[in-house]
Protein backbone atom coordinates (compact mmCIF):
# COMPACT_ATOMS: atom_id res chain seq x y z
CA MET A 1 -136.17 -140.58 83.27
CA GLU A 2 -134.73 -138.56 86.52
CA LYS A 3 -132.49 -136.56 84.28
CA LYS A 4 -135.63 -135.62 82.06
CA ILE A 5 -137.53 -134.64 85.10
CA LYS A 6 -134.55 -132.17 86.18
CA ILE A 7 -134.55 -130.75 82.83
CA LYS A 8 -138.40 -129.98 82.73
CA ARG A 9 -138.36 -128.59 86.31
CA LEU A 10 -135.38 -126.45 85.24
CA ILE A 11 -137.63 -125.19 82.11
CA GLN A 12 -140.39 -124.59 84.23
CA PHE A 13 -138.13 -122.48 86.80
CA TRP A 14 -136.64 -120.36 83.86
CA TRP A 15 -140.20 -119.93 82.40
CA THR A 16 -141.50 -118.72 85.47
CA LEU A 17 -138.84 -116.26 86.27
CA LEU A 18 -138.76 -114.99 82.62
CA LEU A 19 -142.81 -114.38 83.23
CA LEU A 20 -142.25 -112.86 86.46
CA ASN A 21 -139.75 -110.43 84.79
CA ILE A 22 -142.10 -109.59 82.18
CA SER A 23 -144.99 -109.08 84.33
CA SER A 24 -142.83 -106.90 86.89
CA PHE A 25 -141.66 -104.60 84.30
CA GLY A 26 -143.58 -101.19 84.22
CA GLN A 27 -145.06 -101.64 87.99
CA PHE A 28 -142.29 -100.70 90.55
CA THR A 29 -138.66 -100.12 90.26
CA ASP A 30 -135.99 -100.24 93.23
CA ILE A 31 -134.29 -96.78 92.43
CA THR A 32 -132.57 -96.90 96.03
CA LYS A 33 -128.87 -97.40 94.74
CA ASN A 34 -129.08 -94.25 92.60
CA SER A 35 -131.47 -92.28 94.48
CA GLY A 36 -129.07 -90.92 97.27
CA ILE A 37 -130.98 -92.65 99.95
CA ASP A 38 -128.63 -94.78 102.18
CA HIS A 39 -130.31 -95.71 105.59
CA GLN A 40 -130.81 -98.61 108.02
CA PHE A 41 -132.42 -98.24 111.36
CA LYS A 42 -130.09 -99.24 114.14
CA VAL A 43 -132.02 -100.61 117.25
CA PHE A 44 -131.31 -100.30 120.71
CA GLU A 45 -130.95 -103.32 122.42
CA GLY A 46 -132.71 -105.05 119.79
CA PHE A 47 -136.09 -103.35 120.33
CA LEU A 48 -138.37 -101.22 118.39
CA GLY A 49 -138.04 -98.69 115.44
CA GLY A 50 -138.25 -96.94 113.02
CA GLY A 51 -140.09 -94.36 111.62
CA ALA A 52 -140.23 -92.13 108.58
CA CYS A 53 -142.24 -88.70 107.70
CA VAL A 54 -142.95 -86.93 104.25
CA ILE A 55 -142.29 -82.99 104.82
CA ASP A 56 -141.82 -80.47 102.06
CA PHE A 57 -139.61 -78.41 104.60
CA ASP A 58 -138.39 -75.89 102.26
CA ASN A 59 -141.86 -75.14 100.32
CA ASP A 60 -140.54 -75.92 96.83
CA GLY A 61 -143.31 -78.10 95.83
CA TYR A 62 -141.16 -81.23 95.94
CA GLU A 63 -141.55 -83.62 98.98
CA ASP A 64 -138.61 -84.24 101.31
CA VAL A 65 -138.10 -87.21 103.81
CA TYR A 66 -137.17 -87.40 107.29
CA LEU A 67 -135.68 -90.89 108.73
CA THR A 68 -135.38 -91.68 112.38
CA THR A 69 -132.25 -93.95 112.64
CA GLY A 70 -132.34 -95.25 116.47
CA THR A 71 -128.95 -95.33 117.77
CA GLU A 72 -127.19 -93.47 114.80
CA ASN A 73 -127.86 -90.02 113.35
CA ASP A 74 -131.12 -89.17 111.60
CA LYS A 75 -131.38 -88.32 108.00
CA LEU A 76 -133.14 -85.32 106.52
CA TYR A 77 -133.29 -86.11 102.57
CA ARG A 78 -133.82 -82.99 100.29
CA ASN A 79 -135.73 -83.96 97.30
CA ASN A 80 -133.22 -82.78 94.21
CA ARG A 81 -136.58 -82.75 91.70
CA ASN A 82 -134.69 -85.21 89.74
CA GLY A 83 -135.41 -88.30 91.47
CA THR A 84 -132.36 -88.29 93.80
CA PHE A 85 -132.00 -86.99 97.37
CA SER A 86 -129.26 -85.00 99.24
CA ASP A 87 -128.94 -85.76 102.97
CA VAL A 88 -129.03 -82.26 104.65
CA PHE A 89 -129.42 -83.38 108.08
CA GLU A 90 -125.95 -81.67 109.47
CA LYS A 91 -127.05 -78.17 108.35
CA SER A 92 -130.76 -78.55 109.37
CA GLY A 93 -130.68 -77.44 112.94
CA LEU A 94 -131.82 -80.90 113.91
CA THR A 95 -128.60 -82.33 115.53
CA LYS A 96 -129.88 -82.18 119.11
CA THR A 97 -131.67 -85.54 117.89
CA LYS A 98 -127.96 -87.06 117.85
CA GLY A 99 -128.47 -87.30 121.61
CA TYR A 100 -131.17 -89.45 121.59
CA ILE A 101 -132.53 -92.57 120.49
CA THR A 102 -135.37 -91.81 117.96
CA GLN A 103 -138.28 -94.03 117.01
CA GLY A 104 -141.27 -92.05 115.04
CA VAL A 105 -141.72 -88.93 113.31
CA VAL A 106 -144.67 -86.66 112.32
CA SER A 107 -145.08 -83.21 110.75
CA ALA A 108 -147.48 -80.21 110.74
CA ASP A 109 -147.77 -76.57 111.01
CA VAL A 110 -147.64 -76.31 114.64
CA ASN A 111 -147.59 -72.32 114.91
CA LYS A 112 -149.41 -71.71 111.75
CA ASP A 113 -146.44 -69.78 109.78
CA GLY A 114 -147.03 -71.55 106.67
CA TYR A 115 -144.07 -74.02 107.17
CA ARG A 116 -144.25 -77.31 108.68
CA ASP A 117 -142.61 -78.32 111.79
CA LEU A 118 -141.39 -81.68 113.03
CA PHE A 119 -141.91 -83.80 116.40
CA ILE A 120 -139.98 -86.73 117.02
CA THR A 121 -140.41 -89.70 119.51
CA THR A 122 -137.73 -90.84 121.65
CA ILE A 123 -137.22 -93.77 123.93
CA SER A 124 -134.06 -92.49 125.58
CA THR A 125 -130.66 -90.53 125.51
CA ARG A 126 -127.58 -92.05 123.94
CA GLY A 127 -124.75 -92.57 126.38
CA LYS A 128 -125.19 -93.32 129.82
CA ARG A 129 -127.76 -96.06 130.43
CA GLN A 130 -131.12 -94.77 132.41
CA VAL A 131 -134.35 -96.21 134.04
CA ILE A 132 -137.44 -95.84 131.89
CA PRO A 133 -139.11 -93.31 131.77
CA ARG A 134 -135.91 -91.97 130.04
CA ALA A 135 -136.30 -88.95 127.71
CA GLU A 136 -138.80 -86.17 126.56
CA ASN A 137 -139.77 -86.02 122.80
CA LEU A 138 -138.52 -83.70 120.60
CA LEU A 139 -140.25 -80.63 118.87
CA PHE A 140 -138.41 -78.63 116.24
CA LEU A 141 -140.17 -75.33 114.57
CA ASN A 142 -139.06 -74.63 110.94
CA ASN A 143 -137.28 -71.60 110.36
CA LYS A 144 -138.48 -70.94 106.69
CA ASN A 145 -134.84 -70.88 105.44
CA GLY A 146 -134.09 -75.17 105.30
CA THR A 147 -133.32 -75.07 109.08
CA PHE A 148 -135.04 -75.82 112.51
CA SER A 149 -134.76 -74.41 115.92
CA ASP A 150 -135.44 -76.71 119.00
CA VAL A 151 -138.37 -75.56 120.97
CA THR A 152 -139.04 -78.53 123.28
CA ASP A 153 -138.91 -76.70 126.21
CA GLN A 154 -140.37 -73.47 125.24
CA TYR A 155 -143.43 -75.39 124.28
CA GLY A 156 -144.13 -77.38 127.58
CA LEU A 157 -142.60 -80.82 126.51
CA LYS A 158 -139.37 -81.22 128.37
CA PRO A 159 -141.01 -82.36 131.80
CA LEU A 160 -142.85 -85.17 129.87
CA ASN A 161 -140.15 -88.13 129.96
CA SER A 162 -141.57 -91.08 128.46
CA PHE A 163 -140.74 -94.17 126.22
CA SER A 164 -142.66 -93.04 123.19
CA THR A 165 -143.36 -94.78 119.80
CA GLY A 166 -145.71 -93.58 117.36
CA ALA A 167 -147.23 -89.96 117.30
CA SER A 168 -150.09 -88.40 115.31
CA PHE A 169 -151.23 -84.92 114.57
CA GLY A 170 -154.94 -83.88 114.54
CA ASP A 171 -157.37 -81.09 115.21
CA VAL A 172 -159.40 -82.58 117.77
CA ASN A 173 -160.99 -79.19 119.17
CA ALA A 174 -161.46 -78.02 115.49
CA ASP A 175 -159.61 -74.37 116.54
CA GLY A 176 -157.10 -74.62 113.40
CA TYR A 177 -154.22 -75.93 115.65
CA PRO A 178 -152.89 -79.43 115.54
CA ASP A 179 -152.74 -81.26 118.53
CA ILE A 180 -150.44 -84.31 118.89
CA TYR A 181 -151.54 -88.06 120.34
CA VAL A 182 -148.48 -89.75 121.36
CA GLY A 183 -148.02 -93.45 121.97
CA ASN A 184 -146.03 -94.37 125.39
CA TYR A 185 -144.96 -97.93 125.59
CA PHE A 186 -143.56 -98.56 129.06
CA ASN A 187 -144.17 -96.70 132.36
CA GLN A 188 -141.61 -98.47 134.14
CA TYR A 189 -138.95 -101.35 133.70
CA ASP A 190 -135.37 -101.67 134.93
CA GLY A 191 -133.99 -104.40 132.63
CA PRO A 192 -132.29 -104.60 129.34
CA LEU A 193 -135.18 -104.46 126.50
CA ASN A 194 -133.59 -107.78 124.74
CA THR A 195 -134.91 -109.63 127.80
CA ILE A 196 -138.43 -108.86 127.45
CA THR A 197 -140.83 -111.92 127.16
CA ASP A 198 -144.66 -112.28 127.72
CA ALA A 199 -144.02 -112.81 131.45
CA THR A 200 -142.49 -109.12 131.35
CA VAL A 201 -145.40 -107.77 129.96
CA VAL A 202 -148.14 -108.81 132.10
CA GLY A 203 -146.42 -106.90 134.96
CA ALA A 204 -148.70 -104.43 136.65
CA ASN A 205 -146.36 -101.61 136.81
CA GLN A 206 -145.01 -101.57 133.08
CA ILE A 207 -148.20 -100.04 130.98
CA SER A 208 -148.19 -96.50 130.56
CA GLU A 209 -150.74 -93.78 129.90
CA SER A 210 -150.12 -91.86 126.60
CA TYR A 211 -150.25 -88.38 125.60
CA LEU A 212 -152.93 -85.84 124.34
CA LEU A 213 -151.10 -82.63 123.67
CA ILE A 214 -153.48 -79.54 123.06
CA ASN A 215 -151.93 -77.05 121.15
CA HIS A 216 -152.87 -73.73 122.74
CA GLU A 217 -152.73 -71.18 119.76
CA GLY A 218 -149.18 -72.30 118.50
CA LYS A 219 -147.49 -71.15 121.44
CA PHE A 220 -147.42 -74.07 123.43
CA PHE A 221 -148.87 -77.66 124.17
CA LYS A 222 -150.35 -79.16 127.50
CA ASN A 223 -150.88 -82.70 128.35
CA GLU A 224 -154.79 -82.75 128.44
CA TYR A 225 -155.16 -86.56 128.43
CA LYS A 226 -157.41 -86.86 131.28
CA GLU A 227 -159.49 -84.00 130.92
CA TYR A 228 -160.52 -85.27 127.27
CA GLY A 229 -161.64 -88.43 128.99
CA LEU A 230 -158.71 -90.77 128.21
CA THR A 231 -158.29 -93.31 130.77
CA HIS A 232 -156.40 -96.22 129.20
CA LYS A 233 -153.09 -97.64 129.82
CA GLY A 234 -151.33 -99.93 127.62
CA PHE A 235 -147.96 -100.87 125.47
CA GLY A 236 -148.99 -97.97 123.04
CA PHE A 237 -148.06 -97.87 119.11
CA GLY A 238 -149.63 -94.54 118.61
CA GLY A 239 -153.04 -93.89 117.38
CA VAL A 240 -154.75 -92.49 114.41
CA PHE A 241 -157.20 -89.64 114.04
CA SER A 242 -159.98 -90.31 111.62
CA ASP A 243 -163.46 -89.33 111.56
CA PHE A 244 -165.19 -92.91 111.20
CA ASP A 245 -168.51 -91.70 111.86
CA LYS A 246 -168.67 -88.87 109.09
CA ASP A 247 -169.95 -86.34 111.75
CA GLY A 248 -167.07 -83.48 111.15
CA ASP A 249 -164.80 -84.14 114.09
CA GLN A 250 -161.96 -86.39 114.41
CA ASP A 251 -162.24 -89.67 116.46
CA LEU A 252 -159.25 -91.63 117.68
CA ILE A 253 -158.44 -95.28 117.14
CA VAL A 254 -155.54 -96.28 119.25
CA ASN A 255 -152.99 -99.14 118.53
CA HIS A 256 -151.67 -101.31 121.47
CA ASP A 257 -149.20 -104.19 121.47
CA PHE A 258 -149.51 -107.07 123.50
CA GLY A 259 -153.31 -106.46 123.37
CA TYR A 260 -154.11 -110.32 124.04
CA LYS A 261 -152.25 -109.95 127.36
CA ARG A 262 -153.16 -106.38 128.36
CA THR A 263 -155.11 -103.57 126.55
CA PRO A 264 -156.93 -104.24 123.53
CA ASN A 265 -157.07 -101.52 120.65
CA ILE A 266 -159.50 -98.46 121.47
CA LEU A 267 -161.99 -96.57 119.26
CA TYR A 268 -162.64 -93.24 120.86
CA GLU A 269 -165.67 -90.96 119.70
CA ASN A 270 -164.68 -87.55 119.71
CA LEU A 271 -167.99 -85.55 121.39
CA TYR A 272 -167.16 -82.25 119.91
CA PRO A 273 -168.12 -79.39 120.58
CA ARG A 274 -167.78 -81.21 124.17
CA LYS A 275 -163.80 -81.70 124.83
CA GLN A 276 -164.45 -85.22 125.60
CA PHE A 277 -163.66 -88.72 123.56
CA ARG A 278 -166.02 -91.70 124.70
CA ASP A 279 -164.83 -95.31 124.53
CA ILE A 280 -166.96 -97.19 122.06
CA SER A 281 -164.66 -100.09 121.24
CA VAL A 282 -166.91 -102.64 122.61
CA GLU A 283 -169.92 -101.48 120.81
CA LYS A 284 -168.22 -101.06 117.60
CA GLU A 285 -166.31 -104.44 117.83
CA MET A 286 -162.98 -102.78 117.60
CA ASP A 287 -161.22 -103.78 120.85
CA LEU A 288 -158.80 -106.01 119.05
CA LYS A 289 -156.80 -108.23 121.07
CA ILE A 290 -153.82 -108.34 119.20
CA ASN A 291 -150.06 -107.03 118.56
CA SER A 292 -151.29 -103.64 116.60
CA MET A 293 -148.28 -102.10 114.87
CA ALA A 294 -150.30 -99.76 112.63
CA THR A 295 -153.54 -98.57 111.12
CA ALA A 296 -154.17 -98.20 107.33
CA VAL A 297 -157.06 -95.84 106.50
CA GLY A 298 -159.19 -96.12 103.31
CA ASP A 299 -162.40 -96.88 101.61
CA TYR A 300 -161.24 -100.20 100.03
CA ASP A 301 -164.85 -101.02 98.76
CA GLY A 302 -165.84 -97.62 97.42
CA ASP A 303 -169.22 -97.51 99.56
CA GLY A 304 -168.34 -93.99 100.99
CA LEU A 305 -167.39 -94.99 104.77
CA LEU A 306 -163.59 -95.43 105.77
CA ASP A 307 -162.57 -98.92 106.44
CA TYR A 308 -159.42 -99.76 108.52
CA TYR A 309 -156.61 -102.43 108.14
CA PHE A 310 -154.56 -103.39 111.35
CA THR A 311 -150.97 -104.85 111.09
CA ASN A 312 -150.26 -107.67 113.62
CA ILE A 313 -148.05 -110.57 114.50
CA ARG A 314 -149.37 -113.75 112.45
CA PHE A 315 -152.95 -112.23 110.95
CA ASN A 316 -153.52 -108.88 110.01
CA TYR A 317 -157.25 -107.65 110.37
CA LEU A 318 -159.36 -105.90 107.72
CA LEU A 319 -162.31 -104.03 109.43
CA LYS A 320 -165.20 -102.86 107.00
CA ASN A 321 -167.17 -99.98 108.24
CA GLN A 322 -170.97 -100.90 108.19
CA GLY A 323 -172.43 -97.30 109.09
CA PRO A 324 -174.27 -95.91 112.05
CA GLY A 325 -175.57 -98.17 114.64
CA LYS A 326 -173.55 -101.11 113.24
CA PRO A 327 -170.43 -102.74 114.53
CA PHE A 328 -167.07 -103.22 112.47
CA LEU A 329 -167.27 -106.10 110.17
CA ASN A 330 -164.12 -108.51 109.91
CA THR A 331 -163.51 -108.91 106.31
CA THR A 332 -160.14 -110.27 106.40
CA GLN A 333 -160.61 -113.66 105.10
CA SER A 334 -163.22 -112.91 102.65
CA ALA A 335 -161.27 -110.12 101.27
CA GLY A 336 -158.23 -112.44 100.80
CA LEU A 337 -156.04 -110.98 103.11
CA ASN A 338 -155.34 -113.84 105.78
CA PHE A 339 -151.58 -114.56 104.87
CA LEU A 340 -149.57 -115.05 107.92
CA ALA A 341 -146.72 -112.57 108.36
CA ILE A 342 -145.15 -110.26 110.81
CA SER A 343 -146.34 -106.77 109.54
CA TRP A 344 -145.61 -103.19 110.58
CA GLY A 345 -146.43 -100.49 108.40
CA ALA A 346 -149.57 -100.51 105.94
CA ASN A 347 -150.83 -97.94 103.52
CA PHE A 348 -153.90 -98.12 101.37
CA ALA A 349 -153.51 -96.21 98.01
CA ASP A 350 -154.77 -96.54 94.53
CA PHE A 351 -151.14 -97.07 93.00
CA ASP A 352 -152.47 -98.23 89.62
CA ASN A 353 -154.77 -95.13 89.27
CA ASP A 354 -157.79 -97.54 88.42
CA GLY A 355 -160.25 -96.13 90.78
CA ASP A 356 -159.97 -98.47 93.77
CA LEU A 357 -157.70 -98.82 96.57
CA ASP A 358 -154.73 -101.15 97.00
CA LEU A 359 -152.68 -102.19 99.71
CA PHE A 360 -148.93 -102.07 100.57
CA VAL A 361 -147.97 -104.17 103.73
CA ASN A 362 -144.38 -103.82 104.86
CA ASN A 363 -143.54 -107.07 106.62
CA GLY A 364 -140.44 -107.98 108.83
CA ASP A 365 -139.07 -110.26 111.07
CA LEU A 366 -138.99 -109.82 115.09
CA ASN A 367 -135.36 -110.99 114.66
CA PRO A 368 -133.73 -112.97 116.49
CA ASN A 369 -135.98 -115.44 114.59
CA CYS A 370 -134.15 -114.33 111.42
CA VAL A 371 -136.77 -115.27 109.02
CA PRO A 372 -136.95 -113.46 105.79
CA MET A 373 -140.50 -112.16 104.57
CA ALA A 374 -141.58 -110.69 101.67
CA ASN A 375 -143.79 -107.41 101.76
CA PHE A 376 -147.40 -107.93 100.63
CA TYR A 377 -148.74 -106.15 97.82
CA TYR A 378 -152.50 -106.35 97.71
CA GLU A 379 -154.22 -105.29 94.28
CA ASN A 380 -158.10 -104.50 94.52
CA GLN A 381 -159.87 -106.51 92.35
CA GLY A 382 -163.07 -104.14 92.80
CA ASN A 383 -165.33 -106.84 94.02
CA GLY A 384 -164.25 -106.55 97.50
CA LYS A 385 -161.05 -109.08 97.21
CA PHE A 386 -157.36 -108.60 96.99
CA ILE A 387 -154.49 -110.42 95.16
CA ASP A 388 -151.08 -110.38 96.61
CA LYS A 389 -148.62 -109.33 93.64
CA ALA A 390 -145.71 -108.12 95.31
CA ARG A 391 -143.47 -110.41 93.41
CA GLN A 392 -144.94 -109.98 90.06
CA PHE A 393 -144.82 -106.13 90.55
CA GLY A 394 -141.35 -105.83 92.20
CA ILE A 395 -141.89 -104.41 95.43
CA ASN A 396 -141.25 -107.84 97.56
CA ASP A 397 -138.35 -107.05 99.78
CA TYR A 398 -136.99 -109.45 102.21
CA GLY A 399 -135.52 -107.17 104.47
CA ILE A 400 -136.58 -106.59 108.29
CA GLY A 401 -139.53 -103.90 107.49
CA ARG A 402 -140.82 -101.55 109.53
CA GLY A 403 -142.65 -98.13 108.67
CA SER A 404 -143.61 -97.25 105.12
CA ILE A 405 -144.65 -94.12 103.67
CA LEU A 406 -146.21 -93.00 100.32
CA PHE A 407 -145.71 -89.74 98.29
CA ASP A 408 -145.20 -88.67 94.51
CA LEU A 409 -141.48 -87.93 94.82
CA ASP A 410 -141.10 -87.00 90.81
CA ARG A 411 -144.66 -85.47 90.55
CA ASP A 412 -145.99 -87.52 87.64
CA GLY A 413 -149.13 -88.36 89.08
CA ASP A 414 -148.54 -91.83 90.83
CA LEU A 415 -147.48 -92.82 94.53
CA ASP A 416 -144.19 -94.06 95.10
CA VAL A 417 -143.15 -96.13 98.21
CA LEU A 418 -140.27 -95.86 100.79
CA SER A 419 -140.04 -98.75 103.25
CA VAL A 420 -138.08 -98.36 106.29
CA SER A 421 -135.78 -101.68 107.44
CA GLN A 422 -133.77 -102.03 110.42
CA ASN A 423 -130.61 -103.29 110.86
CA PRO A 424 -130.18 -107.39 111.67
CA VAL A 425 -129.38 -107.95 115.43
CA LEU A 426 -128.16 -111.56 114.73
CA ASP A 427 -126.99 -113.24 111.66
CA PHE A 428 -129.73 -112.59 108.70
CA PRO A 429 -129.97 -114.39 105.11
CA ALA A 430 -130.85 -111.12 103.39
CA GLN A 431 -130.10 -107.60 103.12
CA SER A 432 -132.27 -105.16 105.00
CA PHE A 433 -131.70 -101.43 103.97
CA THR A 434 -134.61 -98.93 103.63
CA LYS A 435 -135.71 -99.13 100.03
CA ILE A 436 -137.49 -96.51 97.69
CA PHE A 437 -139.68 -98.08 94.90
CA ARG A 438 -140.37 -95.69 92.12
CA ASN A 439 -144.02 -96.48 90.83
CA ASP A 440 -144.03 -97.03 87.02
CA PHE A 441 -147.49 -98.28 86.36
CA PRO A 442 -148.98 -97.58 82.91
CA LYS A 443 -150.89 -94.37 83.21
CA ASN A 444 -154.51 -93.87 83.95
CA ASN A 445 -156.29 -90.48 84.92
CA TRP A 446 -155.46 -88.96 88.43
CA ILE A 447 -155.80 -85.98 90.30
CA GLN A 448 -154.02 -84.63 93.73
CA LEU A 449 -155.19 -82.00 95.70
CA LYS A 450 -152.96 -79.88 97.93
CA LEU A 451 -155.26 -78.21 100.71
CA VAL A 452 -153.82 -75.06 101.94
CA GLY A 453 -155.54 -74.16 105.18
CA LYS A 454 -155.96 -70.77 106.51
CA ASN A 455 -158.25 -71.37 109.62
CA ASN A 456 -156.80 -74.86 109.51
CA GLU A 457 -153.59 -76.24 109.53
CA ILE A 458 -151.50 -75.39 106.53
CA ALA A 459 -151.51 -78.78 104.69
CA GLY A 460 -155.15 -79.64 106.02
CA ILE A 461 -154.25 -82.13 108.63
CA GLY A 462 -157.82 -82.89 110.25
CA CYS A 463 -159.62 -82.76 106.78
CA SER A 464 -161.04 -84.86 104.39
CA VAL A 465 -162.20 -84.54 100.71
CA GLU A 466 -164.86 -86.15 98.71
CA ILE A 467 -164.66 -86.44 94.78
CA GLU A 468 -167.51 -87.07 92.64
CA SER A 469 -166.49 -88.68 89.00
CA GLY A 470 -167.34 -91.25 86.44
CA GLY A 471 -170.57 -92.27 88.64
CA LYS A 472 -168.20 -92.87 91.71
CA ILE A 473 -167.57 -91.20 95.02
CA PHE A 474 -163.78 -91.16 96.29
CA ILE A 475 -163.00 -90.36 99.59
CA ARG A 476 -159.73 -89.27 101.63
CA GLU A 477 -158.41 -88.04 104.69
CA VAL A 478 -155.13 -86.25 105.23
CA ASP A 479 -152.83 -88.42 107.02
CA GLY A 480 -151.67 -86.85 110.34
CA GLY A 481 -149.30 -89.56 111.36
CA SER A 482 -149.18 -93.32 112.61
CA THR A 483 -151.37 -94.57 109.82
CA SER A 484 -148.14 -96.74 109.06
CA HIS A 485 -145.82 -97.71 111.88
CA LEU A 486 -144.32 -94.86 113.39
CA SER A 487 -144.61 -92.91 110.22
CA GLN A 488 -146.53 -90.15 108.09
CA SER A 489 -147.07 -90.25 104.39
CA SER A 490 -147.59 -87.18 102.31
CA PRO A 491 -150.48 -84.78 102.96
CA ILE A 492 -151.22 -84.09 99.22
CA LEU A 493 -154.45 -86.38 98.65
CA HIS A 494 -154.03 -88.63 95.59
CA PHE A 495 -157.15 -90.15 93.60
CA GLY A 496 -156.80 -92.66 90.77
CA LEU A 497 -159.65 -92.03 88.51
CA GLY A 498 -159.38 -94.56 86.01
CA ASN A 499 -160.77 -94.03 82.42
CA ALA A 500 -162.57 -90.92 83.90
CA THR A 501 -161.72 -87.63 82.05
CA LYS A 502 -164.21 -85.44 84.00
CA ILE A 503 -164.45 -84.43 87.71
CA ASP A 504 -167.94 -83.44 88.46
CA LYS A 505 -167.54 -82.21 91.84
CA ILE A 506 -165.03 -81.54 94.85
CA LYS A 507 -165.92 -81.23 98.29
CA VAL A 508 -163.68 -79.95 101.06
CA PHE A 509 -164.65 -80.75 104.86
CA TRP A 510 -162.18 -78.67 106.67
CA ALA A 511 -161.34 -79.41 110.31
CA ASN A 512 -162.95 -76.25 111.60
CA GLY A 513 -166.03 -76.87 110.35
CA ASP A 514 -166.14 -75.00 106.86
CA GLU A 515 -167.08 -77.25 103.70
CA GLN A 516 -166.04 -75.78 100.28
CA GLU A 517 -167.13 -76.83 96.74
CA ILE A 518 -165.40 -76.88 93.56
CA LYS A 519 -166.20 -77.47 90.12
CA GLY A 520 -164.40 -77.34 86.51
CA VAL A 521 -161.33 -79.09 87.92
CA GLU A 522 -159.33 -80.79 85.19
CA VAL A 523 -157.54 -84.32 85.43
CA ASN A 524 -154.19 -85.38 85.45
CA LYS A 525 -152.64 -82.26 87.57
CA ILE A 526 -151.96 -81.17 91.15
CA TYR A 527 -154.38 -78.68 92.33
CA LYS A 528 -154.14 -76.49 95.05
CA VAL A 529 -157.16 -75.92 97.05
CA ASN A 530 -156.73 -72.77 98.93
CA GLN A 531 -159.39 -72.32 102.10
CA LYS A 532 -161.93 -70.14 100.90
CA LEU A 533 -163.06 -67.69 104.11
CA PRO A 534 -166.47 -66.33 104.55
CA ASN A 535 -166.77 -62.69 103.19
CA SER A 536 -166.15 -60.60 106.22
CA PHE A 537 -168.31 -57.93 104.24
CA SER A 538 -171.27 -60.06 103.75
CA LYS A 539 -171.11 -60.93 107.12
CA PHE A 540 -171.02 -57.67 108.54
CA TRP A 541 -174.00 -56.80 106.48
CA ILE A 542 -176.02 -59.58 107.23
CA ILE A 543 -175.65 -59.00 111.08
CA GLY A 544 -176.10 -55.58 110.40
CA VAL A 545 -179.41 -56.18 108.78
CA GLY A 546 -180.35 -58.53 111.85
CA VAL A 547 -179.65 -55.66 114.11
CA ILE A 548 -181.82 -53.35 112.37
CA ALA A 549 -184.62 -55.76 112.24
CA LEU A 550 -184.63 -56.55 115.96
CA SER A 551 -184.31 -52.81 116.88
CA GLY A 552 -187.26 -51.85 114.57
CA PHE A 553 -189.50 -54.97 116.05
CA LEU A 554 -188.75 -54.03 119.63
CA PHE A 555 -189.46 -50.43 118.77
CA PHE A 556 -192.79 -51.72 116.94
CA ILE A 557 -193.67 -53.64 120.16
CA LYS A 558 -193.10 -50.61 122.35
CA TRP A 559 -195.21 -48.15 120.33
CA LYS A 560 -197.82 -50.74 120.31
CA ARG A 561 -197.86 -50.69 124.24
């Protein structure tokens, strides 16, 4: 009898395995081995890291990847246009990073020359151990020839020694030049980082102000944190610029570690045109007292309002946007997302192009606990609920996950995933290497929009787009960074359209306040949207007519007298 039970269980096991293999065919394929990407983030004293950034640094139309590597050399992978990548770091002009312990990375066209630049956060220099704060963050301008130049000092950043984690680009004052929010973790700490405990983090002197670096016409940055009304100190994991209230300016969501001990998450409302942010965390119920690692941004229920998913230790949070005058609503449990994990990176995207947003979550043990945990892939069911299908779809990596990025590496109309993993500090029962998963879902219709700013940042950072198609409205924002842990996905906006074969209308909301409407766009293509500038002659003619009319009116009043 016992033998029969064992045979039955063995049959059930192999049958389940067969079903999983069948169901995973055509979803995600791990192409890491043949992709040329060989990366593992190496932590310093067992603490924090790392990030990745999508950047088409050579403007060839195929997106490349920058990876921070902590205590070892970073990676700049050029897309070879055939599904593989080549590391060109050594000849890139970025080798100054070899002297630093790097953490996060983001990209934007800082000086508006048409090429995207790189901003890299650090926690220390290599070599001799230093007392926190240890080192400056690094800014590299793109030379337009495949190389970069270090302009950290020239742009006023060298005096800002800090212990920085995540950064994000956004245009907070709508002047067309991208600004930077930088999360800082420590202000003062003398001991080794691997000795940090809960008792450590409640110390009064440790928590730090962050930076709000305002870009002055592409020539230099100035930290105007207090001038804009930012007053918080906390264990910062960066922030996300997002227009939650759809009033045309970029608000700021701040992620804090140890929020239950010290400073919770913060939602700042941008009061543009005033140079001021207002803390509305409590009234909007966004003051999450969690270990907030990152924020994913997306309209998961298709109501035209942006919702936010926060990664955490234990349980993550999905907060639904209920619109003006109402607080955010915690829908984690009702959405089926209340699974226990230690989560870091997270990305909303329509991976299967069916017209609603799915959710990828990169999980990873804190290590030293040494407990492997798989990633989540939450498939949107279209009714406000999600189901985890990571194992089914072949994306359930058990490494020590950290940041994650999305981009269409092969330009085939769907989004591929790169998930960063760190090296194990102690013995770990699973492999832990950065992975790249190619999206092989069966094809539905789609469109991708590549914004090209004129009076805005070149890739449209700070901008959003609404599409009307098939009776639905889709909304996206250009990723400025930290929407996944210490990372930044592609700025090209991707929309799955399901069976819809027609796009009724595209509306672009540029960061400087301009709006642009486009019709007659075909599906299943990458469409470049050049910002349409106002006609100078028309403006001059209107002003001229106004001046003549006013002069005539004044002459008439004078003649009557």
